[in-house]
Amino acid sequence: MRRWLGLYAAGVLLFLHLPLMVLGVFSFNESRFTVWEGWSLRWYRAAFGDGQLMEAAANSLLIGGMATVVATVVGTLCAYGLWKRASRWMSTSLSLSLVTPEIVMGIALLAFFQWVFRYLGVRLGMHAVILAHVMFCLAYVVIVVLARLRTMDRALEEAALDLGATEWQAFRRVTLPALAPGIGAAALLAFTISFDDYVITSLVAGVDSETLPMVLYAIARRGANPVVNAISTVIVFGLGALILVAERLREA
């Protein structure tokens, strides 16, 4: 039975990752079509030499970095608050933000930003994308950090308070170091989700804030282009490495 279960699991993983493997192999193909003509780095050189792709990649890294920092700080404090004072209503609303379809969230954010920015005299742009990414990354950060907090013994903080520490000192010197692996895992997960997002970003982005997924989608719609294979392979391996690191941190 164990052997069959192992084969079944291997088959499921192969089914999930075989398209990515094929994409990675053909990113090294000399031909621009699916006919193999030999190994080449031609499409990687073309990808890294494309100004539009590099600008979009820089935008994605900037947006992902800023959204991750803000979402991690705010989400960690929110998780700590929920841990100290449990609220079923707030926990339910947190779960609701996870199951809401992205298209619905994107339209809601677009309507909200247009309503607010109209009074502020501000247009959609990079700032709107960063705010949108912070909003949908927050829930993931809170859930990961809260899971870490629930494994902690509340008596540790109480002991620090009994020994004369203030609440801030107890949080900074006792709770925060214990939370560090969970916070790191949450930050890496938030960055991955932010960097990969297309639906919400495409709705709230301005003309000067195109991200890498948006440019790749536009290129793919014009027809087969091996440059997409090359840059997609880099993204898969890069984000895959971040996910592995996040998993190790979560288990620490």
Protein backbone atom coordinates (compact mmCIF):
# COMPACT_ATOMS: atom_id res chain seq x y z
CA MET A 1 0.00 0.00 0.00
CA ARG A 2 2.82 2.43 0.84
CA ARG A 3 4.47 1.75 -2.51
CA TRP A 4 1.25 2.49 -4.41
CA LEU A 5 0.63 5.64 -2.40
CA GLY A 6 4.16 6.80 -3.19
CA LEU A 7 3.66 6.13 -6.90
CA TYR A 8 0.33 7.94 -6.80
CA ALA A 9 1.90 10.98 -5.11
CA ALA A 10 4.76 10.96 -7.64
CA GLY A 11 2.24 10.83 -10.50
CA VAL A 12 0.29 13.79 -9.12
CA LEU A 13 3.48 15.84 -8.70
CA LEU A 14 4.58 14.91 -12.24
CA PHE A 15 1.18 15.98 -13.59
CA LEU A 16 1.50 19.33 -11.81
CA HIS A 17 5.08 20.09 -12.79
CA LEU A 18 5.51 18.46 -16.21
CA PRO A 19 4.36 21.62 -18.09
CA LEU A 20 6.90 23.68 -16.13
CA MET A 21 9.63 21.18 -16.94
CA VAL A 22 8.80 21.34 -20.64
CA LEU A 23 8.80 25.15 -20.50
CA GLY A 24 12.21 25.11 -18.83
CA VAL A 25 13.71 22.72 -21.40
CA PHE A 26 12.42 24.68 -24.40
CA SER A 27 13.74 27.93 -22.93
CA PHE A 28 17.17 26.56 -23.97
CA ASN A 29 16.02 25.64 -27.50
CA GLU A 30 17.78 27.40 -30.38
CA SER A 31 14.53 27.47 -32.37
CA ARG A 32 11.67 29.83 -31.60
CA PHE A 33 9.21 26.98 -32.18
CA THR A 34 8.65 23.63 -30.46
CA VAL A 35 10.99 21.82 -32.86
CA TRP A 36 14.22 21.06 -31.03
CA GLU A 37 17.30 22.46 -32.82
CA GLY A 38 19.93 22.36 -30.06
CA TRP A 39 20.91 23.96 -26.76
CA SER A 40 21.30 27.72 -26.66
CA LEU A 41 21.13 30.69 -24.27
CA ARG A 42 19.78 32.87 -27.08
CA TRP A 43 16.44 33.56 -25.46
CA TYR A 44 17.93 34.35 -22.06
CA ARG A 45 20.18 36.94 -23.67
CA ALA A 46 17.16 38.35 -25.52
CA ALA A 47 15.11 38.47 -22.30
CA PHE A 48 17.75 40.28 -20.25
CA GLY A 49 18.43 42.62 -23.15
CA ASP A 50 14.77 43.65 -23.48
CA GLY A 51 14.32 47.09 -21.90
CA GLN A 52 10.58 46.71 -21.39
CA LEU A 53 10.97 43.38 -19.60
CA MET A 54 13.75 44.69 -17.36
CA GLU A 55 11.73 47.80 -16.46
CA ALA A 56 8.71 45.63 -15.64
CA ALA A 57 10.91 43.32 -13.55
CA ALA A 58 12.27 46.32 -11.63
CA ASN A 59 8.69 47.51 -11.01
CA SER A 60 7.69 44.06 -9.75
CA LEU A 61 10.67 43.90 -7.39
CA LEU A 62 10.00 47.41 -6.07
CA ILE A 63 6.29 46.80 -5.58
CA GLY A 64 6.87 43.36 -4.04
CA GLY A 65 9.57 44.67 -1.70
CA MET A 66 7.58 47.65 -0.42
CA ALA A 67 4.34 45.70 -0.11
CA THR A 68 6.17 42.93 1.76
CA VAL A 69 7.73 45.30 4.29
CA VAL A 70 4.47 47.11 5.04
CA ALA A 71 2.32 43.96 5.07
CA THR A 72 4.80 42.12 7.31
CA VAL A 73 4.99 44.89 9.91
CA VAL A 74 1.25 45.60 9.98
CA GLY A 75 0.29 41.92 9.71
CA THR A 76 2.61 40.88 12.56
CA LEU A 77 1.10 43.49 14.89
CA CYS A 78 -2.41 42.45 13.80
CA ALA A 79 -1.64 38.78 14.49
CA TYR A 80 -0.26 39.71 17.91
CA GLY A 81 -3.42 41.64 18.67
CA LEU A 82 -5.62 38.70 17.65
CA TRP A 83 -3.50 36.40 19.79
CA LYS A 84 -3.87 38.61 22.85
CA ARG A 85 -7.58 39.32 22.36
CA ALA A 86 -9.27 36.65 20.26
CA SER A 87 -12.17 37.84 18.09
CA ARG A 88 -14.28 35.38 16.14
CA TRP A 89 -15.70 38.17 13.98
CA MET A 90 -12.25 39.42 12.99
CA SER A 91 -10.96 35.90 12.33
CA THR A 92 -13.95 35.23 10.07
CA SER A 93 -13.40 38.45 8.14
CA LEU A 94 -9.75 37.45 7.68
CA SER A 95 -10.81 34.14 6.13
CA LEU A 96 -13.28 35.97 3.90
CA SER A 97 -10.48 38.02 2.36
CA LEU A 98 -8.71 34.79 1.41
CA VAL A 99 -11.64 33.18 -0.40
CA THR A 100 -12.82 36.33 -2.21
CA PRO A 101 -12.09 35.93 -5.96
CA GLU A 102 -9.27 38.14 -7.21
CA ILE A 103 -11.44 39.72 -9.91
CA VAL A 104 -13.94 40.80 -7.25
CA MET A 105 -11.18 42.17 -5.03
CA GLY A 106 -9.60 43.97 -7.99
CA ILE A 107 -12.86 45.64 -9.04
CA ALA A 108 -13.58 46.66 -5.44
CA LEU A 109 -10.12 48.18 -5.05
CA LEU A 110 -10.42 49.99 -8.38
CA ALA A 111 -13.76 51.53 -7.38
CA PHE A 112 -12.39 52.47 -3.94
CA PHE A 113 -9.21 54.06 -5.33
CA GLN A 114 -11.09 55.99 -7.99
CA TRP A 115 -13.50 57.32 -5.37
CA VAL A 116 -10.72 58.33 -2.96
CA PHE A 117 -8.24 59.61 -5.55
CA ARG A 118 -10.91 61.78 -7.19
CA TYR A 119 -11.07 63.90 -4.04
CA LEU A 120 -7.30 63.88 -3.55
CA GLY A 121 -6.54 64.76 -7.15
CA VAL A 122 -4.33 61.66 -7.56
CA ARG A 123 -4.24 59.23 -10.48
CA LEU A 124 -3.75 55.47 -10.48
CA GLY A 125 -0.11 54.45 -10.52
CA MET A 126 2.62 52.69 -8.57
CA HIS A 127 1.23 53.88 -5.24
CA ALA A 128 -2.15 52.30 -5.99
CA VAL A 129 -0.53 48.98 -6.91
CA ILE A 130 1.53 48.94 -3.70
CA LEU A 131 -1.54 49.69 -1.57
CA ALA A 132 -3.51 46.95 -3.34
CA HIS A 133 -0.71 44.42 -2.81
CA VAL A 134 -0.46 45.33 0.87
CA MET A 135 -4.18 44.74 1.26
CA PHE A 136 -4.23 41.22 -0.17
CA CYS A 137 -0.87 40.19 1.35
CA LEU A 138 -1.94 41.17 4.88
CA ALA A 139 -4.20 38.17 5.35
CA TYR A 140 -1.43 35.70 4.51
CA VAL A 141 1.00 37.38 6.90
CA VAL A 142 -1.52 37.39 9.73
CA ILE A 143 -2.35 33.70 9.27
CA VAL A 144 1.30 32.56 9.18
CA VAL A 145 2.39 34.69 12.15
CA LEU A 146 -0.73 33.79 14.15
CA ALA A 147 -0.02 30.10 13.61
CA ARG A 148 3.44 30.66 15.07
CA LEU A 149 2.03 32.60 18.02
CA ARG A 150 -0.38 29.78 18.88
CA THR A 151 2.59 27.48 19.47
CA MET A 152 4.02 29.87 22.08
CA ASP A 153 3.48 29.66 25.81
CA ARG A 154 1.79 32.83 27.11
CA ALA A 155 3.55 32.28 30.42
CA LEU A 156 6.83 33.47 28.87
CA GLU A 157 5.52 37.00 28.47
CA GLU A 158 3.88 36.90 31.88
CA ALA A 159 7.17 35.85 33.45
CA ALA A 160 8.95 38.77 31.76
CA LEU A 161 6.32 41.17 33.08
CA ASP A 162 6.64 39.72 36.60
CA LEU A 163 10.39 40.31 36.42
CA GLY A 164 9.87 44.03 35.77
CA ALA A 165 9.78 44.29 31.98
CA THR A 166 7.29 46.63 30.34
CA GLU A 167 4.83 45.26 27.79
CA TRP A 168 6.95 46.66 24.95
CA GLN A 169 10.14 45.13 26.40
CA ALA A 170 8.43 41.77 26.83
CA PHE A 171 7.25 41.85 23.22
CA ARG A 172 10.62 42.98 21.83
CA ARG A 173 12.87 40.71 23.88
CA VAL A 174 10.72 37.60 24.38
CA THR A 175 7.94 37.34 21.81
CA LEU A 176 9.60 38.89 18.77
CA PRO A 177 12.70 36.63 18.77
CA ALA A 178 10.46 33.57 19.06
CA LEU A 179 8.35 34.87 16.17
CA ALA A 180 11.32 35.58 13.88
CA PRO A 181 11.08 32.33 11.82
CA GLY A 182 7.33 32.82 11.31
CA ILE A 183 7.76 36.47 10.37
CA GLY A 184 10.47 35.54 7.87
CA ALA A 185 8.27 32.85 6.32
CA ALA A 186 5.33 35.27 6.13
CA ALA A 187 7.49 37.93 4.46
CA LEU A 188 8.77 35.50 1.80
CA LEU A 189 5.23 34.25 1.15
CA ALA A 190 3.92 37.81 0.84
CA PHE A 191 6.69 38.72 -1.62
CA THR A 192 5.95 35.64 -3.72
CA ILE A 193 2.23 36.40 -3.88
CA SER A 194 2.85 40.07 -4.66
CA PHE A 195 5.42 39.40 -7.39
CA ASP A 196 3.15 36.84 -9.05
CA ASP A 197 -0.12 38.80 -9.03
CA TYR A 198 -1.70 39.75 -12.36
CA VAL A 199 -5.48 40.18 -12.01
CA ILE A 200 -5.62 42.82 -9.28
CA THR A 201 -2.50 44.60 -10.55
CA SER A 202 -3.87 44.92 -14.09
CA LEU A 203 -6.98 46.66 -12.74
CA VAL A 204 -5.31 49.26 -10.51
CA ALA A 205 -2.01 49.88 -12.36
CA GLY A 206 -1.34 53.09 -14.25
CA VAL A 207 0.53 53.48 -17.53
CA ASP A 208 3.86 53.81 -15.70
CA SER A 209 3.47 50.84 -13.35
CA GLU A 210 3.41 47.74 -15.54
CA THR A 211 4.66 44.65 -13.72
CA LEU A 212 6.43 41.61 -15.13
CA PRO A 213 3.31 39.35 -15.20
CA MET A 214 1.43 42.05 -17.14
CA VAL A 215 4.20 42.37 -19.77
CA LEU A 216 4.56 38.59 -20.08
CA TYR A 217 0.82 38.21 -20.63
CA ALA A 218 0.87 40.90 -23.32
CA ILE A 219 3.79 39.18 -25.10
CA ALA A 220 2.16 35.73 -24.88
CA ARG A 221 -1.09 37.04 -26.39
CA ARG A 222 0.79 38.10 -29.54
CA GLY A 223 1.90 34.52 -30.18
CA ALA A 224 4.55 32.00 -29.13
CA ASN A 225 7.72 33.72 -27.99
CA PRO A 226 10.62 31.78 -26.42
CA VAL A 227 11.58 34.90 -24.44
CA VAL A 228 8.51 34.17 -22.30
CA ASN A 229 9.85 30.64 -21.69
CA ALA A 230 13.21 32.02 -20.55
CA ILE A 231 11.94 34.69 -18.17
CA SER A 232 9.22 32.34 -16.85
CA THR A 233 11.87 29.72 -16.03
CA VAL A 234 13.84 32.31 -14.06
CA ILE A 235 10.67 33.29 -12.17
CA VAL A 236 9.73 29.67 -11.37
CA PHE A 237 13.16 28.80 -9.99
CA GLY A 238 13.48 32.11 -8.12
CA LEU A 239 10.08 31.93 -6.45
CA GLY A 240 10.50 28.20 -5.87
CA ALA A 241 13.67 28.89 -3.91
CA LEU A 242 11.86 31.52 -1.83
CA ILE A 243 9.06 29.07 -1.05
CA LEU A 244 11.55 26.43 0.10
CA VAL A 245 13.25 28.96 2.36
CA ALA A 246 9.86 30.07 3.73
CA GLU A 247 8.95 26.45 4.49
CA ARG A 248 12.21 25.88 6.33
CA LEU A 249 11.66 29.05 8.36
CA ARG A 250 8.08 28.05 9.15
CA GLU A 251 9.25 24.70 10.53
CA ALA A 252 12.12 26.23 12.52
